[in-house]
Amino acid sequence: AVSDNERAIVAKVTGSTANSPEVLKDFVRWNKTRNDFDKQVGDALQSWEQKNPNQSFTKFKETDTYKNLENNYIDKTNKMAAKMGLTGAGAPKGVDKTDEYLKQYLKPKGTV
């Protein structure tokens, strides 16, 4: 599951030594959130497969368990993107604040 806000975070906030510490922290927070989601899905799938042998991953994605995990993950990335001012519930409607965020945090080394 990849939300629009996740795409915005990953596309605009790459981990680089040229990034500010705050951008790198944002990237680590997103990465941890994604890792947690993947682990939760893996654990839930393993449990589901024991009760539903020979079923596809597509069938698992139709379950309430998967949908709840996915919705929680999307909610977290929406909040992260909003906090970063990229998109999501906290961003002004119709305004993409990505460029403003990048100008603030992605300054070359040695500049103020």
PDB file of N, CA and C in Angstrom:
ATOM      1  N   ALA A   1       0.845  -1.176   0.000  1.00  0.00           N
ATOM      2  CA  ALA A   1       0.000   0.000   0.000  1.00  0.00           C
ATOM      3  C   ALA A   1       0.882   1.227   0.000  1.00  0.00           C
ATOM      4  N   VAL A   2       0.707   2.041  -0.993  1.00  0.00           N
ATOM      5  CA  VAL A   2       1.467   3.279  -1.090  1.00  0.00           C
ATOM      6  C   VAL A   2       0.477   4.411  -1.294  1.00  0.00           C
ATOM      7  N   SER A   3       0.439   5.326  -0.332  1.00  0.00           N
ATOM      8  CA  SER A   3      -0.486   6.447  -0.440  1.00  0.00           C
ATOM      9  C   SER A   3       0.174   7.600  -1.194  1.00  0.00           C
ATOM     10  N   ASP A   4      -0.641   8.551  -1.617  1.00  0.00           N
ATOM     11  CA  ASP A   4      -0.103   9.738  -2.284  1.00  0.00           C
ATOM     12  C   ASP A   4       0.856  10.481  -1.365  1.00  0.00           C
ATOM     13  N   ASN A   5       0.529  10.534  -0.088  1.00  0.00           N
ATOM     14  CA  ASN A   5       1.399  11.238   0.851  1.00  0.00           C
ATOM     15  C   ASN A   5       2.715  10.505   1.042  1.00  0.00           C
ATOM     16  N   GLU A   6       2.671   9.176   1.012  1.00  0.00           N
ATOM     17  CA  GLU A   6       3.918   8.421   1.109  1.00  0.00           C
ATOM     18  C   GLU A   6       4.794   8.730  -0.099  1.00  0.00           C
ATOM     19  N   ARG A   7       4.190   8.771  -1.272  1.00  0.00           N
ATOM     20  CA  ARG A   7       4.949   9.118  -2.481  1.00  0.00           C
ATOM     21  C   ARG A   7       5.592  10.501  -2.341  1.00  0.00           C
ATOM     22  N   ALA A   8       4.847  11.457  -1.799  1.00  0.00           N
ATOM     23  CA  ALA A   8       5.374  12.812  -1.614  1.00  0.00           C
ATOM     24  C   ALA A   8       6.549  12.808  -0.654  1.00  0.00           C
ATOM     25  N   ILE A   9       6.424  12.072   0.429  1.00  0.00           N
ATOM     26  CA  ILE A   9       7.497  12.011   1.421  1.00  0.00           C
ATOM     27  C   ILE A   9       8.750  11.409   0.801  1.00  0.00           C
ATOM     28  N   VAL A  10       8.598  10.270   0.148  1.00  0.00           N
ATOM     29  CA  VAL A  10       9.752   9.566  -0.412  1.00  0.00           C
ATOM     30  C   VAL A  10      10.368  10.345  -1.564  1.00  0.00           C
ATOM     31  N   ALA A  11       9.538  10.897  -2.431  1.00  0.00           N
ATOM     32  CA  ALA A  11      10.056  11.614  -3.600  1.00  0.00           C
ATOM     33  C   ALA A  11      10.792  12.887  -3.222  1.00  0.00           C
ATOM     34  N   LYS A  12      10.340  13.559  -2.180  1.00  0.00           N
ATOM     35  CA  LYS A  12      10.895  14.865  -1.849  1.00  0.00           C
ATOM     36  C   LYS A  12      11.854  14.862  -0.665  1.00  0.00           C
ATOM     37  N   VAL A  13      11.862  13.824   0.133  1.00  0.00           N
ATOM     38  CA  VAL A  13      12.701  13.797   1.326  1.00  0.00           C
ATOM     39  C   VAL A  13      13.585  12.564   1.264  1.00  0.00           C
ATOM     40  N   THR A  14      14.607  12.638   0.464  1.00  0.00           N
ATOM     41  CA  THR A  14      15.546  11.527   0.357  1.00  0.00           C
ATOM     42  C   THR A  14      16.642  11.689   1.385  1.00  0.00           C
ATOM     43  N   GLY A  15      17.138  10.605   1.885  1.00  0.00           N
ATOM     44  CA  GLY A  15      18.216  10.656   2.864  1.00  0.00           C
ATOM     45  C   GLY A  15      19.535  10.969   2.185  1.00  0.00           C
ATOM     46  N   SER A  16      20.129  12.082   2.520  1.00  0.00           N
ATOM     47  CA  SER A  16      21.384  12.514   1.921  1.00  0.00           C
ATOM     48  C   SER A  16      22.160  13.324   2.947  1.00  0.00           C
ATOM     49  N   THR A  17      23.472  13.286   2.859  1.00  0.00           N
ATOM     50  CA  THR A  17      24.273  14.070   3.792  1.00  0.00           C
ATOM     51  C   THR A  17      24.107  15.567   3.555  1.00  0.00           C
ATOM     52  N   ALA A  18      23.571  15.948   2.392  1.00  0.00           N
ATOM     53  CA  ALA A  18      23.323  17.364   2.120  1.00  0.00           C
ATOM     54  C   ALA A  18      22.045  17.856   2.792  1.00  0.00           C
ATOM     55  N   ASN A  19      21.220  16.946   3.288  1.00  0.00           N
ATOM     56  CA  ASN A  19      19.969  17.323   3.929  1.00  0.00           C
ATOM     57  C   ASN A  19      20.215  17.808   5.350  1.00  0.00           C
ATOM     58  N   SER A  20      19.282  18.621   5.819  1.00  0.00           N
ATOM     59  CA  SER A  20      19.363  19.088   7.199  1.00  0.00           C
ATOM     60  C   SER A  20      19.052  17.928   8.137  1.00  0.00           C
ATOM     61  N   PRO A  21      19.444  18.048   9.391  1.00  0.00           N
ATOM     62  CA  PRO A  21      19.114  16.995  10.362  1.00  0.00           C
ATOM     63  C   PRO A  21      17.604  16.750  10.471  1.00  0.00           C
ATOM     64  N   GLU A  22      16.810  17.816  10.351  1.00  0.00           N
ATOM     65  CA  GLU A  22      15.360  17.645  10.479  1.00  0.00           C
ATOM     66  C   GLU A  22      14.805  16.810   9.332  1.00  0.00           C
ATOM     67  N   VAL A  23      15.285  17.018   8.118  1.00  0.00           N
ATOM     68  CA  VAL A  23      14.840  16.226   6.976  1.00  0.00           C
ATOM     69  C   VAL A  23      15.232  14.763   7.168  1.00  0.00           C
ATOM     70  N   LEU A  24      16.446  14.547   7.627  1.00  0.00           N
ATOM     71  CA  LEU A  24      16.889  13.170   7.857  1.00  0.00           C
ATOM     72  C   LEU A  24      16.053  12.494   8.945  1.00  0.00           C
ATOM     73  N   LYS A  25      15.687  13.254   9.975  1.00  0.00           N
ATOM     74  CA  LYS A  25      14.817  12.700  11.021  1.00  0.00           C
ATOM     75  C   LYS A  25      13.450  12.342  10.445  1.00  0.00           C
ATOM     76  N   ASP A  26      12.916  13.213   9.580  1.00  0.00           N
ATOM     77  CA  ASP A  26      11.635  12.921   8.930  1.00  0.00           C
ATOM     78  C   ASP A  26      11.732  11.643   8.115  1.00  0.00           C
ATOM     79  N   PHE A  27      12.817  11.486   7.388  1.00  0.00           N
ATOM     80  CA  PHE A  27      13.011  10.297   6.568  1.00  0.00           C
ATOM     81  C   PHE A  27      13.087   9.048   7.433  1.00  0.00           C
ATOM     82  N   VAL A  28      13.802   9.121   8.539  1.00  0.00           N
ATOM     83  CA  VAL A  28      13.911   7.972   9.457  1.00  0.00           C
ATOM     84  C   VAL A  28      12.552   7.647  10.064  1.00  0.00           C
ATOM     85  N   ARG A  29      11.786   8.682  10.435  1.00  0.00           N
ATOM     86  CA  ARG A  29      10.450   8.440  10.994  1.00  0.00           C
ATOM     87  C   ARG A  29       9.555   7.738   9.971  1.00  0.00           C
ATOM     88  N   TRP A  30       9.589   8.224   8.708  1.00  0.00           N
ATOM     89  CA  TRP A  30       8.789   7.563   7.679  1.00  0.00           C
ATOM     90  C   TRP A  30       9.258   6.126   7.487  1.00  0.00           C
ATOM     91  N   ASN A  31      10.566   5.905   7.421  1.00  0.00           N
ATOM     92  CA  ASN A  31      11.106   4.571   7.189  1.00  0.00           C
ATOM     93  C   ASN A  31      10.696   3.615   8.302  1.00  0.00           C
ATOM     94  N   LYS A  32      10.732   4.065   9.544  1.00  0.00           N
ATOM     95  CA  LYS A  32      10.304   3.225  10.669  1.00  0.00           C
ATOM     96  C   LYS A  32       8.819   2.901  10.555  1.00  0.00           C
ATOM     97  N   THR A  33       8.021   3.896  10.184  1.00  0.00           N
ATOM     98  CA  THR A  33       6.583   3.674  10.022  1.00  0.00           C
ATOM     99  C   THR A  33       6.329   2.617   8.954  1.00  0.00           C
ATOM    100  N   ARG A  34       7.059   2.704   7.842  1.00  0.00           N
ATOM    101  CA  ARG A  34       6.896   1.721   6.765  1.00  0.00           C
ATOM    102  C   ARG A  34       7.353   0.342   7.216  1.00  0.00           C
ATOM    103  N   ASN A  35       8.479   0.269   7.917  1.00  0.00           N
ATOM    104  CA  ASN A  35       8.966  -1.018   8.412  1.00  0.00           C
ATOM    105  C   ASN A  35       7.974  -1.652   9.385  1.00  0.00           C
ATOM    106  N   ASP A  36       7.406  -0.843  10.260  1.00  0.00           N
ATOM    107  CA  ASP A  36       6.409  -1.357  11.209  1.00  0.00           C
ATOM    108  C   ASP A  36       5.200  -1.919  10.462  1.00  0.00           C
ATOM    109  N   PHE A  37       4.735  -1.194   9.441  1.00  0.00           N
ATOM    110  CA  PHE A  37       3.602  -1.661   8.644  1.00  0.00           C
ATOM    111  C   PHE A  37       3.929  -2.989   7.963  1.00  0.00           C
ATOM    112  N   ASP A  38       5.088  -3.076   7.343  1.00  0.00           N
ATOM    113  CA  ASP A  38       5.473  -4.311   6.658  1.00  0.00           C
ATOM    114  C   ASP A  38       5.537  -5.489   7.627  1.00  0.00           C
ATOM    115  N   LYS A  39       6.070  -5.266   8.818  1.00  0.00           N
ATOM    116  CA  LYS A  39       6.155  -6.332   9.831  1.00  0.00           C
ATOM    117  C   LYS A  39       4.764  -6.757  10.273  1.00  0.00           C
ATOM    118  N   GLN A  40       3.889  -5.788  10.516  1.00  0.00           N
ATOM    119  CA  GLN A  40       2.523  -6.106  10.937  1.00  0.00           C
ATOM    120  C   GLN A  40       1.786  -6.896   9.865  1.00  0.00           C
ATOM    121  N   VAL A  41       1.956  -6.497   8.601  1.00  0.00           N
ATOM    122  CA  VAL A  41       1.313  -7.217   7.504  1.00  0.00           C
ATOM    123  C   VAL A  41       1.873  -8.632   7.411  1.00  0.00           C
ATOM    124  N   GLY A  42       3.177  -8.774   7.529  1.00  0.00           N
ATOM    125  CA  GLY A  42       3.794 -10.104   7.473  1.00  0.00           C
ATOM    126  C   GLY A  42       3.286 -11.014   8.577  1.00  0.00           C
ATOM    127  N   ASP A  43       3.219 -10.495   9.791  1.00  0.00           N
ATOM    128  CA  ASP A  43       2.713 -11.289  10.922  1.00  0.00           C
ATOM    129  C   ASP A  43       1.250 -11.669  10.716  1.00  0.00           C
ATOM    130  N   ALA A  44       0.447 -10.705  10.271  1.00  0.00           N
ATOM    131  CA  ALA A  44      -0.982 -10.971  10.053  1.00  0.00           C
ATOM    132  C   ALA A  44      -1.176 -11.972   8.920  1.00  0.00           C
ATOM    133  N   LEU A  45      -0.381 -11.858   7.868  1.00  0.00           N
ATOM    134  CA  LEU A  45      -0.481 -12.793   6.748  1.00  0.00           C
ATOM    135  C   LEU A  45      -0.127 -14.201   7.187  1.00  0.00           C
ATOM    136  N   GLN A  46       0.924 -14.337   7.957  1.00  0.00           N
ATOM    137  CA  GLN A  46       1.330 -15.658   8.437  1.00  0.00           C
ATOM    138  C   GLN A  46       0.218 -16.302   9.263  1.00  0.00           C
ATOM    139  N   SER A  47      -0.388 -15.546  10.141  1.00  0.00           N
ATOM    140  CA  SER A  47      -1.490 -16.054  10.956  1.00  0.00           C
ATOM    141  C   SER A  47      -2.687 -16.414  10.072  1.00  0.00           C
ATOM    142  N   TRP A  48      -3.001 -15.554   9.111  1.00  0.00           N
ATOM    143  CA  TRP A  48      -4.136 -15.784   8.217  1.00  0.00           C
ATOM    144  C   TRP A  48      -3.913 -17.027   7.361  1.00  0.00           C
ATOM    145  N   GLU A  49      -2.686 -17.212   6.875  1.00  0.00           N
ATOM    146  CA  GLU A  49      -2.388 -18.374   6.027  1.00  0.00           C
ATOM    147  C   GLU A  49      -2.552 -19.693   6.779  1.00  0.00           C
ATOM    148  N   GLN A  50      -2.283 -19.684   8.080  1.00  0.00           N
ATOM    149  CA  GLN A  50      -2.472 -20.901   8.872  1.00  0.00           C
ATOM    150  C   GLN A  50      -3.944 -21.303   8.908  1.00  0.00           C
ATOM    151  N   LYS A  51      -4.825 -20.322   8.907  1.00  0.00           N
ATOM    152  CA  LYS A  51      -6.266 -20.590   8.950  1.00  0.00           C
ATOM    153  C   LYS A  51      -6.862 -20.718   7.550  1.00  0.00           C
ATOM    154  N   ASN A  52      -6.160 -20.219   6.546  1.00  0.00           N
ATOM    155  CA  ASN A  52      -6.658 -20.206   5.168  1.00  0.00           C
ATOM    156  C   ASN A  52      -5.574 -20.694   4.207  1.00  0.00           C
ATOM    157  N   PRO A  53      -5.215 -21.961   4.287  1.00  0.00           N
ATOM    158  CA  PRO A  53      -4.139 -22.469   3.427  1.00  0.00           C
ATOM    159  C   PRO A  53      -4.513 -22.390   1.943  1.00  0.00           C
ATOM    160  N   ASN A  54      -3.492 -22.265   1.116  1.00  0.00           N
ATOM    161  CA  ASN A  54      -3.642 -22.255  -0.342  1.00  0.00           C
ATOM    162  C   ASN A  54      -4.486 -21.084  -0.857  1.00  0.00           C
ATOM    163  N   GLN A  55      -4.454 -19.975  -0.139  1.00  0.00           N
ATOM    164  CA  GLN A  55      -5.165 -18.774  -0.586  1.00  0.00           C
ATOM    165  C   GLN A  55      -4.135 -17.743  -1.049  1.00  0.00           C
ATOM    166  N   SER A  56      -4.557 -16.826  -1.874  1.00  0.00           N
ATOM    167  CA  SER A  56      -3.638 -15.833  -2.428  1.00  0.00           C
ATOM    168  C   SER A  56      -3.493 -14.617  -1.504  1.00  0.00           C
ATOM    169  N   PHE A  57      -2.413 -13.870  -1.747  1.00  0.00           N
ATOM    170  CA  PHE A  57      -2.199 -12.619  -1.028  1.00  0.00           C
ATOM    171  C   PHE A  57      -3.314 -11.633  -1.356  1.00  0.00           C
ATOM    172  N   THR A  58      -3.816 -11.709  -2.572  1.00  0.00           N
ATOM    173  CA  THR A  58      -4.925 -10.836  -2.974  1.00  0.00           C
ATOM    174  C   THR A  58      -6.140 -11.084  -2.085  1.00  0.00           C
ATOM    175  N   LYS A  59      -6.412 -12.332  -1.768  1.00  0.00           N
ATOM    176  CA  LYS A  59      -7.532 -12.657  -0.855  1.00  0.00           C
ATOM    177  C   LYS A  59      -7.268 -12.084   0.532  1.00  0.00           C
ATOM    178  N   PHE A  60      -6.016 -12.190   0.988  1.00  0.00           N
ATOM    179  CA  PHE A  60      -5.661 -11.635   2.293  1.00  0.00           C
ATOM    180  C   PHE A  60      -5.899 -10.127   2.315  1.00  0.00           C
ATOM    181  N   LYS A  61      -5.571  -9.438   1.216  1.00  0.00           N
ATOM    182  CA  LYS A  61      -5.759  -7.987   1.164  1.00  0.00           C
ATOM    183  C   LYS A  61      -7.227  -7.582   1.221  1.00  0.00           C
ATOM    184  N   GLU A  62      -8.126  -8.518   0.993  1.00  0.00           N
ATOM    185  CA  GLU A  62      -9.563  -8.237   1.080  1.00  0.00           C
ATOM    186  C   GLU A  62     -10.096  -8.371   2.502  1.00  0.00           C
ATOM    187  N   THR A  63      -9.260  -8.847   3.426  1.00  0.00           N
ATOM    188  CA  THR A  63      -9.716  -9.062   4.800  1.00  0.00           C
ATOM    189  C   THR A  63      -9.767  -7.755   5.586  1.00  0.00           C
ATOM    190  N   ASP A  64     -10.598  -7.753   6.622  1.00  0.00           N
ATOM    191  CA  ASP A  64     -10.673  -6.589   7.509  1.00  0.00           C
ATOM    192  C   ASP A  64      -9.339  -6.344   8.200  1.00  0.00           C
ATOM    193  N   THR A  65      -8.632  -7.419   8.525  1.00  0.00           N
ATOM    194  CA  THR A  65      -7.331  -7.283   9.188  1.00  0.00           C
ATOM    195  C   THR A  65      -6.378  -6.465   8.338  1.00  0.00           C
ATOM    196  N   TYR A  66      -6.252  -6.833   7.069  1.00  0.00           N
ATOM    197  CA  TYR A  66      -5.350  -6.096   6.194  1.00  0.00           C
ATOM    198  C   TYR A  66      -5.835  -4.664   5.993  1.00  0.00           C
ATOM    199  N   LYS A  67      -7.120  -4.504   5.751  1.00  0.00           N
ATOM    200  CA  LYS A  67      -7.658  -3.161   5.508  1.00  0.00           C
ATOM    201  C   LYS A  67      -7.424  -2.246   6.705  1.00  0.00           C
ATOM    202  N   ASN A  68      -7.555  -2.780   7.928  1.00  0.00           N
ATOM    203  CA  ASN A  68      -7.292  -1.974   9.130  1.00  0.00           C
ATOM    204  C   ASN A  68      -5.823  -1.573   9.208  1.00  0.00           C
ATOM    205  N   LEU A  69      -4.917  -2.516   8.925  1.00  0.00           N
ATOM    206  CA  LEU A  69      -3.491  -2.198   8.934  1.00  0.00           C
ATOM    207  C   LEU A  69      -3.167  -1.136   7.892  1.00  0.00           C
ATOM    208  N   GLU A  70      -3.724  -1.310   6.700  1.00  0.00           N
ATOM    209  CA  GLU A  70      -3.480  -0.359   5.618  1.00  0.00           C
ATOM    210  C   GLU A  70      -4.026   1.031   5.964  1.00  0.00           C
ATOM    211  N   ASN A  71      -5.244   1.089   6.483  1.00  0.00           N
ATOM    212  CA  ASN A  71      -5.841   2.374   6.849  1.00  0.00           C
ATOM    213  C   ASN A  71      -5.054   3.073   7.950  1.00  0.00           C
ATOM    214  N   ASN A  72      -4.569   2.304   8.933  1.00  0.00           N
ATOM    215  CA  ASN A  72      -3.750   2.885   9.995  1.00  0.00           C
ATOM    216  C   ASN A  72      -2.448   3.442   9.429  1.00  0.00           C
ATOM    217  N   TYR A  73      -1.840   2.705   8.494  1.00  0.00           N
ATOM    218  CA  TYR A  73      -0.597   3.162   7.879  1.00  0.00           C
ATOM    219  C   TYR A  73      -0.831   4.442   7.070  1.00  0.00           C
ATOM    220  N   ILE A  74      -1.889   4.460   6.292  1.00  0.00           N
ATOM    221  CA  ILE A  74      -2.197   5.647   5.497  1.00  0.00           C
ATOM    222  C   ILE A  74      -2.472   6.837   6.402  1.00  0.00           C
ATOM    223  N   ASP A  75      -3.185   6.612   7.501  1.00  0.00           N
ATOM    224  CA  ASP A  75      -3.449   7.686   8.459  1.00  0.00           C
ATOM    225  C   ASP A  75      -2.140   8.241   9.026  1.00  0.00           C
ATOM    226  N   LYS A  76      -1.216   7.355   9.365  1.00  0.00           N
ATOM    227  CA  LYS A  76       0.074   7.806   9.903  1.00  0.00           C
ATOM    228  C   LYS A  76       0.864   8.602   8.869  1.00  0.00           C
ATOM    229  N   THR A  77       0.902   8.129   7.618  1.00  0.00           N
ATOM    230  CA  THR A  77       1.652   8.871   6.604  1.00  0.00           C
ATOM    231  C   THR A  77       0.968  10.194   6.262  1.00  0.00           C
ATOM    232  N   ASN A  78      -0.364  10.224   6.307  1.00  0.00           N
ATOM    233  CA  ASN A  78      -1.070  11.489   6.095  1.00  0.00           C
ATOM    234  C   ASN A  78      -0.676  12.502   7.165  1.00  0.00           C
ATOM    235  N   LYS A  79      -0.626  12.048   8.418  1.00  0.00           N
ATOM    236  CA  LYS A  79      -0.251  12.948   9.519  1.00  0.00           C
ATOM    237  C   LYS A  79       1.191  13.404   9.386  1.00  0.00           C
ATOM    238  N   MET A  80       2.069  12.489   8.975  1.00  0.00           N
ATOM    239  CA  MET A  80       3.468  12.856   8.785  1.00  0.00           C
ATOM    240  C   MET A  80       3.602  13.902   7.687  1.00  0.00           C
ATOM    241  N   ALA A  81       2.931  13.674   6.569  1.00  0.00           N
ATOM    242  CA  ALA A  81       3.005  14.608   5.444  1.00  0.00           C
ATOM    243  C   ALA A  81       2.437  15.968   5.836  1.00  0.00           C
ATOM    244  N   ALA A  82       1.346  15.952   6.596  1.00  0.00           N
ATOM    245  CA  ALA A  82       0.743  17.212   7.044  1.00  0.00           C
ATOM    246  C   ALA A  82       1.695  17.951   7.975  1.00  0.00           C
ATOM    247  N   LYS A  83       2.324  17.220   8.891  1.00  0.00           N
ATOM    248  CA  LYS A  83       3.268  17.837   9.824  1.00  0.00           C
ATOM    249  C   LYS A  83       4.446  18.438   9.073  1.00  0.00           C
ATOM    250  N   MET A  84       4.852  17.771   7.986  1.00  0.00           N
ATOM    251  CA  MET A  84       5.968  18.258   7.176  1.00  0.00           C
ATOM    252  C   MET A  84       5.525  19.367   6.233  1.00  0.00           C
ATOM    253  N   GLY A  85       4.211  19.618   6.168  1.00  0.00           N
ATOM    254  CA  GLY A  85       3.690  20.661   5.310  1.00  0.00           C
ATOM    255  C   GLY A  85       3.634  20.268   3.845  1.00  0.00           C
ATOM    256  N   LEU A  86       3.695  18.977   3.555  1.00  0.00           N
ATOM    257  CA  LEU A  86       3.688  18.530   2.168  1.00  0.00           C
ATOM    258  C   LEU A  86       2.277  18.469   1.610  1.00  0.00           C
ATOM    259  N   THR A  87       1.494  17.577   2.137  1.00  0.00           N
ATOM    260  CA  THR A  87       0.108  17.385   1.720  1.00  0.00           C
ATOM    261  C   THR A  87      -0.638  16.848   2.918  1.00  0.00           C
ATOM    262  N   GLY A  88      -1.851  16.407   2.712  1.00  0.00           N
ATOM    263  CA  GLY A  88      -2.595  15.787   3.795  1.00  0.00           C
ATOM    264  C   GLY A  88      -3.518  16.760   4.493  1.00  0.00           C
ATOM    265  N   ALA A  89      -4.060  16.292   5.582  1.00  0.00           N
ATOM    266  CA  ALA A  89      -5.101  17.027   6.291  1.00  0.00           C
ATOM    267  C   ALA A  89      -4.626  18.379   6.818  1.00  0.00           C
ATOM    268  N   GLY A  90      -3.356  18.486   7.174  1.00  0.00           N
ATOM    269  CA  GLY A  90      -2.866  19.730   7.759  1.00  0.00           C
ATOM    270  C   GLY A  90      -2.405  20.772   6.762  1.00  0.00           C
ATOM    271  N   ALA A  91      -2.280  20.406   5.491  1.00  0.00           N
ATOM    272  CA  ALA A  91      -1.820  21.356   4.479  1.00  0.00           C
ATOM    273  C   ALA A  91      -2.996  22.193   3.988  1.00  0.00           C
ATOM    274  N   PRO A  92      -2.744  23.433   3.634  1.00  0.00           N
ATOM    275  CA  PRO A  92      -3.829  24.254   3.081  1.00  0.00           C
ATOM    276  C   PRO A  92      -4.415  23.592   1.836  1.00  0.00           C
ATOM    277  N   LYS A  93      -5.706  23.670   1.673  1.00  0.00           N
ATOM    278  CA  LYS A  93      -6.372  23.041   0.533  1.00  0.00           C
ATOM    279  C   LYS A  93      -5.871  23.641  -0.774  1.00  0.00           C
ATOM    280  N   GLY A  94      -5.525  22.767  -1.714  1.00  0.00           N
ATOM    281  CA  GLY A  94      -5.104  23.192  -3.036  1.00  0.00           C
ATOM    282  C   GLY A  94      -3.701  23.764  -3.098  1.00  0.00           C
ATOM    283  N   VAL A  95      -2.957  23.668  -2.019  1.00  0.00           N
ATOM    284  CA  VAL A  95      -1.608  24.216  -1.999  1.00  0.00           C
ATOM    285  C   VAL A  95      -0.620  23.095  -1.723  1.00  0.00           C
ATOM    286  N   ASP A  96       0.366  22.956  -2.600  1.00  0.00           N
ATOM    287  CA  ASP A  96       1.427  21.973  -2.389  1.00  0.00           C
ATOM    288  C   ASP A  96       2.596  22.707  -1.748  1.00  0.00           C
ATOM    289  N   LYS A  97       2.881  22.371  -0.514  1.00  0.00           N
ATOM    290  CA  LYS A  97       3.920  23.077   0.227  1.00  0.00           C
ATOM    291  C   LYS A  97       5.264  22.379   0.137  1.00  0.00           C
ATOM    292  N   THR A  98       5.390  21.407  -0.759  1.00  0.00           N
ATOM    293  CA  THR A  98       6.616  20.638  -0.866  1.00  0.00           C
ATOM    294  C   THR A  98       7.811  21.533  -1.155  1.00  0.00           C
ATOM    295  N   ASP A  99       7.683  22.415  -2.144  1.00  0.00           N
ATOM    296  CA  ASP A  99       8.815  23.264  -2.500  1.00  0.00           C
ATOM    297  C   ASP A  99       9.245  24.163  -1.346  1.00  0.00           C
ATOM    298  N   GLU A 100       8.275  24.690  -0.624  1.00  0.00           N
ATOM    299  CA  GLU A 100       8.594  25.537   0.528  1.00  0.00           C
ATOM    300  C   GLU A 100       9.355  24.738   1.590  1.00  0.00           C
ATOM    301  N   TYR A 101       8.912  23.525   1.846  1.00  0.00           N
ATOM    302  CA  TYR A 101       9.574  22.653   2.816  1.00  0.00           C
ATOM    303  C   TYR A 101      11.008  22.382   2.376  1.00  0.00           C
ATOM    304  N   LEU A 102      11.170  22.053   1.108  1.00  0.00           N
ATOM    305  CA  LEU A 102      12.500  21.730   0.607  1.00  0.00           C
ATOM    306  C   LEU A 102      13.431  22.938   0.672  1.00  0.00           C
ATOM    307  N   LYS A 103      12.931  24.113   0.360  1.00  0.00           N
ATOM    308  CA  LYS A 103      13.764  25.319   0.434  1.00  0.00           C
ATOM    309  C   LYS A 103      14.228  25.552   1.869  1.00  0.00           C
ATOM    310  N   GLN A 104      13.369  25.250   2.805  1.00  0.00           N
ATOM    311  CA  GLN A 104      13.698  25.471   4.211  1.00  0.00           C
ATOM    312  C   GLN A 104      14.732  24.472   4.708  1.00  0.00           C
ATOM    313  N   TYR A 105      14.623  23.196   4.298  1.00  0.00           N
ATOM    314  CA  TYR A 105      15.442  22.157   4.901  1.00  0.00           C
ATOM    315  C   TYR A 105      16.540  21.582   4.012  1.00  0.00           C
ATOM    316  N   LEU A 106      16.432  21.730   2.725  1.00  0.00           N
ATOM    317  CA  LEU A 106      17.423  21.116   1.830  1.00  0.00           C
ATOM    318  C   LEU A 106      18.416  22.156   1.319  1.00  0.00           C
ATOM    319  N   LYS A 107      19.126  22.736   2.249  1.00  0.00           N
ATOM    320  CA  LYS A 107      20.108  23.742   1.889  1.00  0.00           C
ATOM    321  C   LYS A 107      21.471  23.056   1.750  1.00  0.00           C
ATOM    322  N   PRO A 108      22.273  23.518   0.780  1.00  0.00           N
ATOM    323  CA  PRO A 108      23.615  22.951   0.655  1.00  0.00           C
ATOM    324  C   PRO A 108      24.406  23.149   1.938  1.00  0.00           C
ATOM    325  N   LYS A 109      25.358  22.271   2.173  1.00  0.00           N
ATOM    326  CA  LYS A 109      26.204  22.387   3.374  1.00  0.00           C
ATOM    327  C   LYS A 109      26.887  23.739   3.399  1.00  0.00           C
ATOM    328  N   GLY A 110      26.970  24.298   4.587  1.00  0.00           N
ATOM    329  CA  GLY A 110      27.680  25.549   4.767  1.00  0.00           C
ATOM    330  C   GLY A 110      26.849  26.799   4.519  1.00  0.00           C
ATOM    331  N   THR A 111      25.572  26.649   4.141  1.00  0.00           N
ATOM    332  CA  THR A 111      24.729  27.828   3.945  1.00  0.00           C
ATOM    333  C   THR A 111      23.801  27.988   5.125  1.00  0.00           C
ATOM    334  N   VAL A 112      23.375  29.210   5.323  1.00  0.00           N
ATOM    335  CA  VAL A 112      22.477  29.498   6.451  1.00  0.00           C
ATOM    336  C   VAL A 112      21.099  29.812   5.951  1.00  0.00           C
TER     337      VAL A 112
END
